[in-house]
């Protein structure tokens, strides 16, 4: 799939600091012309900087758009979604931030009865709006093209009006020392608003996010009750989280 290949290329740029066309063509089994078109497309979206024969990271920083994230770690994210949904009882009020893993939680909850779901994610709202069994509340705010989330002061003021049984929070990084982190500062503030209104906070993140720290801090580990991840989590990271008082659920992909 082209979207999956573009996501892989973005990962290579972040991890290696640079990529070149011949090596990428060999890795993905496509022509050099195809790779050059891929790099140009990513360059035009401001995600990378094209160079002669390859590409470098965008100096302004890079956040992979959700359309490229969606196909990454998909089996793991579906397993996380099912495990997270199992924590919810009918009739509860659930907060859902954006992100591909949170989207899988929403899909796993879609057939449940008498749920109220409060979300700031446009893609999640679009999937749930036709479900008569779901009372859907969509939080307004400034739209982020990378994550389809509505964020900012307006979103935070609206979230503050609700009491949530559980908030499911997607994150780009989680460590015991840094807590939950994401790429965007405004998004971090809005995510924290969900956490403040919830009786229980559940972080949902595939194992590739565990042990990583990104730009903006959402909250420390003391505000996280449960981490739902996949069975690929490193044992030392799981042990550290549990020692900090965070329940860890490691879902096995099917």
C-alpha atoms as a PDB file:
ATOM      1  CA  UNK A   1       0.000   0.000   0.000  1.00  0.00           C
ATOM      2  CA  UNK A   2       1.270   3.451  -0.868  1.00  0.00           C
ATOM      3  CA  UNK A   3       0.165   4.996   2.456  1.00  0.00           C
ATOM      4  CA  UNK A   4       1.976   2.300   4.404  1.00  0.00           C
ATOM      5  CA  UNK A   5       5.129   2.782   2.295  1.00  0.00           C
ATOM      6  CA  UNK A   6       5.017   6.540   2.887  1.00  0.00           C
ATOM      7  CA  UNK A   7       4.703   5.922   6.608  1.00  0.00           C
ATOM      8  CA  UNK A   8       7.704   3.582   6.504  1.00  0.00           C
ATOM      9  CA  UNK A   9       9.723   6.193   4.624  1.00  0.00           C
ATOM     10  CA  UNK A  10       8.861   8.820   7.242  1.00  0.00           C
ATOM     11  CA  UNK A  11      10.039   6.425   9.941  1.00  0.00           C
ATOM     12  CA  UNK A  12      13.333   5.873   8.109  1.00  0.00           C
ATOM     13  CA  UNK A  13      13.913   9.634   7.866  1.00  0.00           C
ATOM     14  CA  UNK A  14      13.249  10.124  11.590  1.00  0.00           C
ATOM     15  CA  UNK A  15      15.361   7.157  12.707  1.00  0.00           C
ATOM     16  CA  UNK A  16      18.307   7.597  10.319  1.00  0.00           C
ATOM     17  CA  UNK A  17      18.371  11.355   9.816  1.00  0.00           C
ATOM     18  CA  UNK A  18      18.521  10.894   6.042  1.00  0.00           C
ATOM     19  CA  UNK A  19      17.458   8.482   3.292  1.00  0.00           C
ATOM     20  CA  UNK A  20      18.601   7.888  -0.275  1.00  0.00           C
ATOM     21  CA  UNK A  21      16.590   6.757  -3.277  1.00  0.00           C
ATOM     22  CA  UNK A  22      18.546   3.610  -4.288  1.00  0.00           C
ATOM     23  CA  UNK A  23      18.438   2.115  -0.805  1.00  0.00           C
ATOM     24  CA  UNK A  24      14.735   2.845  -0.363  1.00  0.00           C
ATOM     25  CA  UNK A  25      13.959   1.390  -3.784  1.00  0.00           C
ATOM     26  CA  UNK A  26      15.808  -1.800  -2.848  1.00  0.00           C
ATOM     27  CA  UNK A  27      14.121  -2.059   0.568  1.00  0.00           C
ATOM     28  CA  UNK A  28      10.588  -1.629  -0.782  1.00  0.00           C
ATOM     29  CA  UNK A  29      11.065  -3.483  -4.060  1.00  0.00           C
ATOM     30  CA  UNK A  30       9.901  -0.577  -6.220  1.00  0.00           C
ATOM     31  CA  UNK A  31      11.542   1.601  -8.835  1.00  0.00           C
ATOM     32  CA  UNK A  32      13.649   4.648  -8.098  1.00  0.00           C
ATOM     33  CA  UNK A  33      11.059   6.738  -9.919  1.00  0.00           C
ATOM     34  CA  UNK A  34       8.364   5.549  -7.499  1.00  0.00           C
ATOM     35  CA  UNK A  35      10.511   6.467  -4.497  1.00  0.00           C
ATOM     36  CA  UNK A  36      11.279   9.888  -5.961  1.00  0.00           C
ATOM     37  CA  UNK A  37       7.531  10.513  -6.380  1.00  0.00           C
ATOM     38  CA  UNK A  38       6.953   9.391  -2.788  1.00  0.00           C
ATOM     39  CA  UNK A  39       9.649  11.731  -1.481  1.00  0.00           C
ATOM     40  CA  UNK A  40       8.296  14.616  -3.527  1.00  0.00           C
ATOM     41  CA  UNK A  41       4.793  14.037  -2.173  1.00  0.00           C
ATOM     42  CA  UNK A  42       6.083  14.052   1.405  1.00  0.00           C
ATOM     43  CA  UNK A  43       8.184  17.140   0.685  1.00  0.00           C
ATOM     44  CA  UNK A  44       5.159  19.015  -0.688  1.00  0.00           C
ATOM     45  CA  UNK A  45       3.269  18.237   2.542  1.00  0.00           C
ATOM     46  CA  UNK A  46       6.112  19.720   4.588  1.00  0.00           C
ATOM     47  CA  UNK A  47       6.966  16.390   6.202  1.00  0.00           C
ATOM     48  CA  UNK A  48      10.516  16.044   4.835  1.00  0.00           C
ATOM     49  CA  UNK A  49      13.071  18.121   2.921  1.00  0.00           C
ATOM     50  CA  UNK A  50      14.134  16.778  -0.458  1.00  0.00           C
ATOM     51  CA  UNK A  51      17.821  16.618  -1.276  1.00  0.00           C
ATOM     52  CA  UNK A  52      19.712  15.514  -4.343  1.00  0.00           C
ATOM     53  CA  UNK A  53      19.210  11.757  -4.336  1.00  0.00           C
ATOM     54  CA  UNK A  54      17.267  11.503  -1.087  1.00  0.00           C
ATOM     55  CA  UNK A  55      15.677  13.403   1.797  1.00  0.00           C
ATOM     56  CA  UNK A  56      16.296  14.854   5.273  1.00  0.00           C
ATOM     57  CA  UNK A  57      13.940  15.569   8.189  1.00  0.00           C
ATOM     58  CA  UNK A  58      11.967  18.786   8.046  1.00  0.00           C
ATOM     59  CA  UNK A  59      13.878  21.295  10.229  1.00  0.00           C
ATOM     60  CA  UNK A  60      10.563  22.419  11.721  1.00  0.00           C
ATOM     61  CA  UNK A  61       9.908  18.982  13.190  1.00  0.00           C
ATOM     62  CA  UNK A  62       7.777  16.168  11.927  1.00  0.00           C
ATOM     63  CA  UNK A  63       4.512  14.614  12.995  1.00  0.00           C
ATOM     64  CA  UNK A  64       3.214  11.797  10.856  1.00  0.00           C
ATOM     65  CA  UNK A  65      -0.357  12.573   9.679  1.00  0.00           C
ATOM     66  CA  UNK A  66      -3.053  10.180  10.843  1.00  0.00           C
ATOM     67  CA  UNK A  67      -3.707   8.936   7.304  1.00  0.00           C
ATOM     68  CA  UNK A  68      -0.187   7.468   7.275  1.00  0.00           C
ATOM     69  CA  UNK A  69      -0.356   6.200  10.852  1.00  0.00           C
ATOM     70  CA  UNK A  70      -3.574   4.261  10.305  1.00  0.00           C
ATOM     71  CA  UNK A  71      -1.955   1.250   8.640  1.00  0.00           C
ATOM     72  CA  UNK A  72       0.968   1.044  11.073  1.00  0.00           C
ATOM     73  CA  UNK A  73       0.892  -1.618  13.813  1.00  0.00           C
ATOM     74  CA  UNK A  74      -2.719  -2.279  12.813  1.00  0.00           C
ATOM     75  CA  UNK A  75      -3.056  -5.733  14.401  1.00  0.00           C
ATOM     76  CA  UNK A  76      -1.601  -4.411  17.631  1.00  0.00           C
ATOM     77  CA  UNK A  77      -3.912  -1.394  17.651  1.00  0.00           C
ATOM     78  CA  UNK A  78      -6.979  -3.558  17.079  1.00  0.00           C
ATOM     79  CA  UNK A  79      -5.963  -5.791  19.973  1.00  0.00           C
ATOM     80  CA  UNK A  80      -5.497  -2.721  22.166  1.00  0.00           C
ATOM     81  CA  UNK A  81      -8.901  -1.395  21.107  1.00  0.00           C
ATOM     82  CA  UNK A  82     -10.641  -4.625  22.106  1.00  0.00           C
ATOM     83  CA  UNK A  83      -8.798  -4.843  25.432  1.00  0.00           C
ATOM     84  CA  UNK A  84      -9.576  -1.206  26.233  1.00  0.00           C
ATOM     85  CA  UNK A  85     -13.254  -1.570  25.323  1.00  0.00           C
ATOM     86  CA  UNK A  86     -13.513  -4.519  27.703  1.00  0.00           C
ATOM     87  CA  UNK A  87     -12.904  -2.070  30.569  1.00  0.00           C
ATOM     88  CA  UNK A  88     -16.167  -0.230  29.821  1.00  0.00           C
ATOM     89  CA  UNK A  89     -19.629  -1.102  31.139  1.00  0.00           C
ATOM     90  CA  UNK A  90     -22.877  -0.181  29.394  1.00  0.00           C
ATOM     91  CA  UNK A  91     -24.228   3.178  30.452  1.00  0.00           C
ATOM     92  CA  UNK A  92     -20.877   4.827  31.151  1.00  0.00           C
ATOM     93  CA  UNK A  93     -19.628   8.194  29.919  1.00  0.00           C
ATOM     94  CA  UNK A  94     -16.419   7.778  27.941  1.00  0.00           C
ATOM     95  CA  UNK A  95     -13.942  10.413  26.769  1.00  0.00           C
ATOM     96  CA  UNK A  96     -11.924   9.683  23.629  1.00  0.00           C
ATOM     97  CA  UNK A  97      -9.041  11.776  22.344  1.00  0.00           C
ATOM     98  CA  UNK A  98      -7.840  11.380  18.777  1.00  0.00           C
ATOM     99  CA  UNK A  99      -5.278   9.075  17.217  1.00  0.00           C
ATOM    100  CA  UNK A 100      -5.308   5.770  15.398  1.00  0.00           C
ATOM    101  CA  UNK A 101      -5.252   3.645  18.562  1.00  0.00           C
ATOM    102  CA  UNK A 102      -8.101   5.625  20.136  1.00  0.00           C
ATOM    103  CA  UNK A 103      -9.991   5.126  16.870  1.00  0.00           C
ATOM    104  CA  UNK A 104      -9.726   1.362  17.343  1.00  0.00           C
ATOM    105  CA  UNK A 105     -11.162   1.786  20.847  1.00  0.00           C
ATOM    106  CA  UNK A 106     -14.104   3.686  19.345  1.00  0.00           C
ATOM    107  CA  UNK A 107     -14.689   0.921  16.802  1.00  0.00           C
ATOM    108  CA  UNK A 108     -14.647  -1.697  19.540  1.00  0.00           C
ATOM    109  CA  UNK A 109     -17.247   0.318  21.492  1.00  0.00           C
ATOM    110  CA  UNK A 110     -19.484   1.075  18.528  1.00  0.00           C
ATOM    111  CA  UNK A 111     -21.974  -1.744  19.173  1.00  0.00           C
ATOM    112  CA  UNK A 112     -22.207  -1.256  22.938  1.00  0.00           C
ATOM    113  CA  UNK A 113     -25.457  -0.131  24.528  1.00  0.00           C
ATOM    114  CA  UNK A 114     -26.343   3.160  26.144  1.00  0.00           C
ATOM    115  CA  UNK A 115     -22.900   4.732  26.016  1.00  0.00           C
ATOM    116  CA  UNK A 116     -22.169   8.442  25.998  1.00  0.00           C
ATOM    117  CA  UNK A 117     -18.958   9.217  24.128  1.00  0.00           C
ATOM    118  CA  UNK A 118     -17.318  12.639  24.311  1.00  0.00           C
ATOM    119  CA  UNK A 119     -14.633  13.144  21.680  1.00  0.00           C
ATOM    120  CA  UNK A 120     -12.658  15.901  20.014  1.00  0.00           C
ATOM    121  CA  UNK A 121     -11.678  13.709  17.053  1.00  0.00           C
ATOM    122  CA  UNK A 122     -13.529  14.380  13.807  1.00  0.00           C
ATOM    123  CA  UNK A 123     -12.792  10.939  12.337  1.00  0.00           C
ATOM    124  CA  UNK A 124     -14.113   9.174  15.450  1.00  0.00           C
ATOM    125  CA  UNK A 125     -17.228  11.351  15.433  1.00  0.00           C
ATOM    126  CA  UNK A 126     -17.826  10.509  11.760  1.00  0.00           C
ATOM    127  CA  UNK A 127     -17.674   6.772  12.540  1.00  0.00           C
ATOM    128  CA  UNK A 128     -20.021   6.959  15.523  1.00  0.00           C
ATOM    129  CA  UNK A 129     -22.588   9.546  14.439  1.00  0.00           C
ATOM    130  CA  UNK A 130     -24.823   6.968  12.724  1.00  0.00           C
ATOM    131  CA  UNK A 131     -24.935   4.683  15.789  1.00  0.00           C
ATOM    132  CA  UNK A 132     -28.311   5.129  17.563  1.00  0.00           C
ATOM    133  CA  UNK A 133     -26.998   3.246  20.609  1.00  0.00           C
ATOM    134  CA  UNK A 134     -24.302   5.904  21.171  1.00  0.00           C
ATOM    135  CA  UNK A 135     -24.958   9.355  22.578  1.00  0.00           C
ATOM    136  CA  UNK A 136     -22.252  11.341  20.850  1.00  0.00           C
ATOM    137  CA  UNK A 137     -20.880  14.657  22.099  1.00  0.00           C
ATOM    138  CA  UNK A 138     -18.362  16.370  19.820  1.00  0.00           C
ATOM    139  CA  UNK A 139     -16.053  18.944  21.363  1.00  0.00           C
ATOM    140  CA  UNK A 140     -15.375  22.045  19.257  1.00  0.00           C
ATOM    141  CA  UNK A 141     -12.104  23.882  18.780  1.00  0.00           C
ATOM    142  CA  UNK A 142      -9.266  24.532  16.346  1.00  0.00           C
ATOM    143  CA  UNK A 143      -8.824  21.687  13.850  1.00  0.00           C
ATOM    144  CA  UNK A 144      -5.446  19.958  13.547  1.00  0.00           C
ATOM    145  CA  UNK A 145      -4.932  18.504  10.074  1.00  0.00           C
ATOM    146  CA  UNK A 146      -2.371  15.956  11.270  1.00  0.00           C
ATOM    147  CA  UNK A 147      -4.649  14.278  13.828  1.00  0.00           C
ATOM    148  CA  UNK A 148      -8.205  15.403  12.900  1.00  0.00           C
ATOM    149  CA  UNK A 149      -8.557  16.665  16.472  1.00  0.00           C
ATOM    150  CA  UNK A 150     -10.286  19.832  17.645  1.00  0.00           C
ATOM    151  CA  UNK A 151      -8.089  21.481  20.269  1.00  0.00           C
ATOM    152  CA  UNK A 152      -7.484  24.709  22.138  1.00  0.00           C
ATOM    153  CA  UNK A 153      -9.223  26.842  24.798  1.00  0.00           C
ATOM    154  CA  UNK A 154     -12.720  26.377  23.345  1.00  0.00           C
ATOM    155  CA  UNK A 155     -12.310  22.591  23.448  1.00  0.00           C
ATOM    156  CA  UNK A 156     -10.959  22.677  26.998  1.00  0.00           C
ATOM    157  CA  UNK A 157     -13.832  24.867  28.243  1.00  0.00           C
ATOM    158  CA  UNK A 158     -16.389  22.490  26.761  1.00  0.00           C
ATOM    159  CA  UNK A 159     -14.704  19.366  28.163  1.00  0.00           C
ATOM    160  CA  UNK A 160     -14.737  21.003  31.613  1.00  0.00           C
ATOM    161  CA  UNK A 161     -18.546  20.848  31.578  1.00  0.00           C
ATOM    162  CA  UNK A 162     -18.643  17.029  31.605  1.00  0.00           C
ATOM    163  CA  UNK A 163     -17.931  14.271  34.101  1.00  0.00           C
ATOM    164  CA  UNK A 164     -16.346  11.198  32.509  1.00  0.00           C
ATOM    165  CA  UNK A 165     -16.212   7.700  33.946  1.00  0.00           C
ATOM    166  CA  UNK A 166     -13.178   6.894  31.804  1.00  0.00           C
ATOM    167  CA  UNK A 167     -10.935   8.918  29.483  1.00  0.00           C
ATOM    168  CA  UNK A 168      -9.045   7.021  26.797  1.00  0.00           C
ATOM    169  CA  UNK A 169      -6.006   9.066  25.840  1.00  0.00           C
ATOM    170  CA  UNK A 170      -3.839   8.362  22.821  1.00  0.00           C
ATOM    171  CA  UNK A 171      -0.195   9.355  23.109  1.00  0.00           C
ATOM    172  CA  UNK A 172       2.909   9.577  20.933  1.00  0.00           C
ATOM    173  CA  UNK A 173       5.227   8.622  23.774  1.00  0.00           C
ATOM    174  CA  UNK A 174       5.110   7.188  27.279  1.00  0.00           C
ATOM    175  CA  UNK A 175       7.859   6.796  29.861  1.00  0.00           C
ATOM    176  CA  UNK A 176       7.769   6.771  33.640  1.00  0.00           C
ATOM    177  CA  UNK A 177      10.151   9.733  33.807  1.00  0.00           C
ATOM    178  CA  UNK A 178       8.373  11.963  31.264  1.00  0.00           C
ATOM    179  CA  UNK A 179       4.846  10.561  31.444  1.00  0.00           C
ATOM    180  CA  UNK A 180       2.581  10.936  28.401  1.00  0.00           C
ATOM    181  CA  UNK A 181       3.844  13.119  25.572  1.00  0.00           C
ATOM    182  CA  UNK A 182       2.653  14.196  22.150  1.00  0.00           C
ATOM    183  CA  UNK A 183       3.921  16.273  19.232  1.00  0.00           C
ATOM    184  CA  UNK A 184       1.696  19.334  19.659  1.00  0.00           C
ATOM    185  CA  UNK A 185       1.507  21.593  22.725  1.00  0.00           C
ATOM    186  CA  UNK A 186      -2.112  22.642  22.197  1.00  0.00           C
ATOM    187  CA  UNK A 187      -3.158  19.024  21.734  1.00  0.00           C
ATOM    188  CA  UNK A 188      -1.386  18.147  24.986  1.00  0.00           C
ATOM    189  CA  UNK A 189      -3.420  20.764  26.892  1.00  0.00           C
ATOM    190  CA  UNK A 190      -6.684  19.459  25.443  1.00  0.00           C
ATOM    191  CA  UNK A 191      -5.764  15.864  26.279  1.00  0.00           C
ATOM    192  CA  UNK A 192      -5.069  16.962  29.850  1.00  0.00           C
ATOM    193  CA  UNK A 193      -8.545  18.502  29.992  1.00  0.00           C
ATOM    194  CA  UNK A 194     -10.009  15.041  29.320  1.00  0.00           C
ATOM    195  CA  UNK A 195      -7.842  13.549  32.070  1.00  0.00           C
ATOM    196  CA  UNK A 196      -8.918  16.160  34.616  1.00  0.00           C
ATOM    197  CA  UNK A 197     -12.592  15.363  34.057  1.00  0.00           C
ATOM    198  CA  UNK A 198     -12.242  11.574  34.269  1.00  0.00           C
ATOM    199  CA  UNK A 199     -12.609   9.296  37.256  1.00  0.00           C
ATOM    200  CA  UNK A 200     -10.188   6.926  35.526  1.00  0.00           C
ATOM    201  CA  UNK A 201      -7.557   7.585  32.858  1.00  0.00           C
ATOM    202  CA  UNK A 202      -6.551   4.861  30.424  1.00  0.00           C
ATOM    203  CA  UNK A 203      -3.653   5.521  28.071  1.00  0.00           C
ATOM    204  CA  UNK A 204      -3.810   3.546  24.829  1.00  0.00           C
ATOM    205  CA  UNK A 205      -0.536   3.236  22.916  1.00  0.00           C
ATOM    206  CA  UNK A 206       1.084   0.491  20.885  1.00  0.00           C
ATOM    207  CA  UNK A 207       4.434  -0.773  22.129  1.00  0.00           C
ATOM    208  CA  UNK A 208       6.426   1.297  19.610  1.00  0.00           C
ATOM    209  CA  UNK A 209       5.395   4.396  21.626  1.00  0.00           C
ATOM    210  CA  UNK A 210       6.512   3.018  24.987  1.00  0.00           C
ATOM    211  CA  UNK A 211       9.929   4.328  25.986  1.00  0.00           C
ATOM    212  CA  UNK A 212       9.679   7.331  23.651  1.00  0.00           C
ATOM    213  CA  UNK A 213       9.444  11.002  24.592  1.00  0.00           C
ATOM    214  CA  UNK A 214       8.016  13.587  22.189  1.00  0.00           C
ATOM    215  CA  UNK A 215       7.771  17.370  22.322  1.00  0.00           C
ATOM    216  CA  UNK A 216       4.842  18.277  24.575  1.00  0.00           C
ATOM    217  CA  UNK A 217       3.997  16.768  27.974  1.00  0.00           C
ATOM    218  CA  UNK A 218       0.381  15.739  28.522  1.00  0.00           C
ATOM    219  CA  UNK A 219       0.689  14.506  32.106  1.00  0.00           C
ATOM    220  CA  UNK A 220       2.896  12.583  34.484  1.00  0.00           C
ATOM    221  CA  UNK A 221       2.445   8.873  35.201  1.00  0.00           C
ATOM    222  CA  UNK A 222       0.718   9.689  38.496  1.00  0.00           C
ATOM    223  CA  UNK A 223      -2.394  10.723  36.541  1.00  0.00           C
ATOM    224  CA  UNK A 224      -2.514   7.456  34.572  1.00  0.00           C
ATOM    225  CA  UNK A 225      -4.473   4.562  36.051  1.00  0.00           C
ATOM    226  CA  UNK A 226      -4.026   2.025  33.265  1.00  0.00           C
ATOM    227  CA  UNK A 227      -1.811   1.628  30.217  1.00  0.00           C
ATOM    228  CA  UNK A 228      -3.246  -0.588  27.493  1.00  0.00           C
ATOM    229  CA  UNK A 229      -0.576  -1.601  25.013  1.00  0.00           C
ATOM    230  CA  UNK A 230       0.351  -4.724  23.050  1.00  0.00           C
ATOM    231  CA  UNK A 231       2.435  -7.740  23.965  1.00  0.00           C
ATOM    232  CA  UNK A 232       5.487  -6.226  22.285  1.00  0.00           C
ATOM    233  CA  UNK A 233       6.161  -3.961  25.274  1.00  0.00           C
ATOM    234  CA  UNK A 234       9.674  -4.385  26.649  1.00  0.00           C
ATOM    235  CA  UNK A 235       9.633  -6.102  30.079  1.00  0.00           C
ATOM    236  CA  UNK A 236      11.689  -3.338  31.688  1.00  0.00           C
ATOM    237  CA  UNK A 237       9.220  -0.670  30.541  1.00  0.00           C
ATOM    238  CA  UNK A 238       6.293  -2.679  31.849  1.00  0.00           C
ATOM    239  CA  UNK A 239       8.028  -3.247  35.185  1.00  0.00           C
ATOM    240  CA  UNK A 240       8.838   0.466  35.514  1.00  0.00           C
ATOM    241  CA  UNK A 241       5.238   1.477  34.789  1.00  0.00           C
ATOM    242  CA  UNK A 242       3.856  -1.008  37.290  1.00  0.00           C
ATOM    243  CA  UNK A 243       6.358   0.145  39.908  1.00  0.00           C
ATOM    244  CA  UNK A 244       5.016   3.673  39.379  1.00  0.00           C
ATOM    245  CA  UNK A 245       1.494   2.452  40.148  1.00  0.00           C
ATOM    246  CA  UNK A 246       0.242   2.139  36.565  1.00  0.00           C
ATOM    247  CA  UNK A 247      -1.730  -0.996  35.715  1.00  0.00           C
ATOM    248  CA  UNK A 248      -0.406  -2.449  32.440  1.00  0.00           C
ATOM    249  CA  UNK A 249      -2.563  -4.509  30.095  1.00  0.00           C
ATOM    250  CA  UNK A 250      -0.536  -6.047  27.263  1.00  0.00           C
ATOM    251  CA  UNK A 251      -2.933  -7.281  24.586  1.00  0.00           C
ATOM    252  CA  UNK A 252      -1.805 -10.041  22.247  1.00  0.00           C
ATOM    253  CA  UNK A 253      -2.556  -9.342  18.563  1.00  0.00           C
ATOM    254  CA  UNK A 254      -4.809 -11.920  16.937  1.00  0.00           C
END
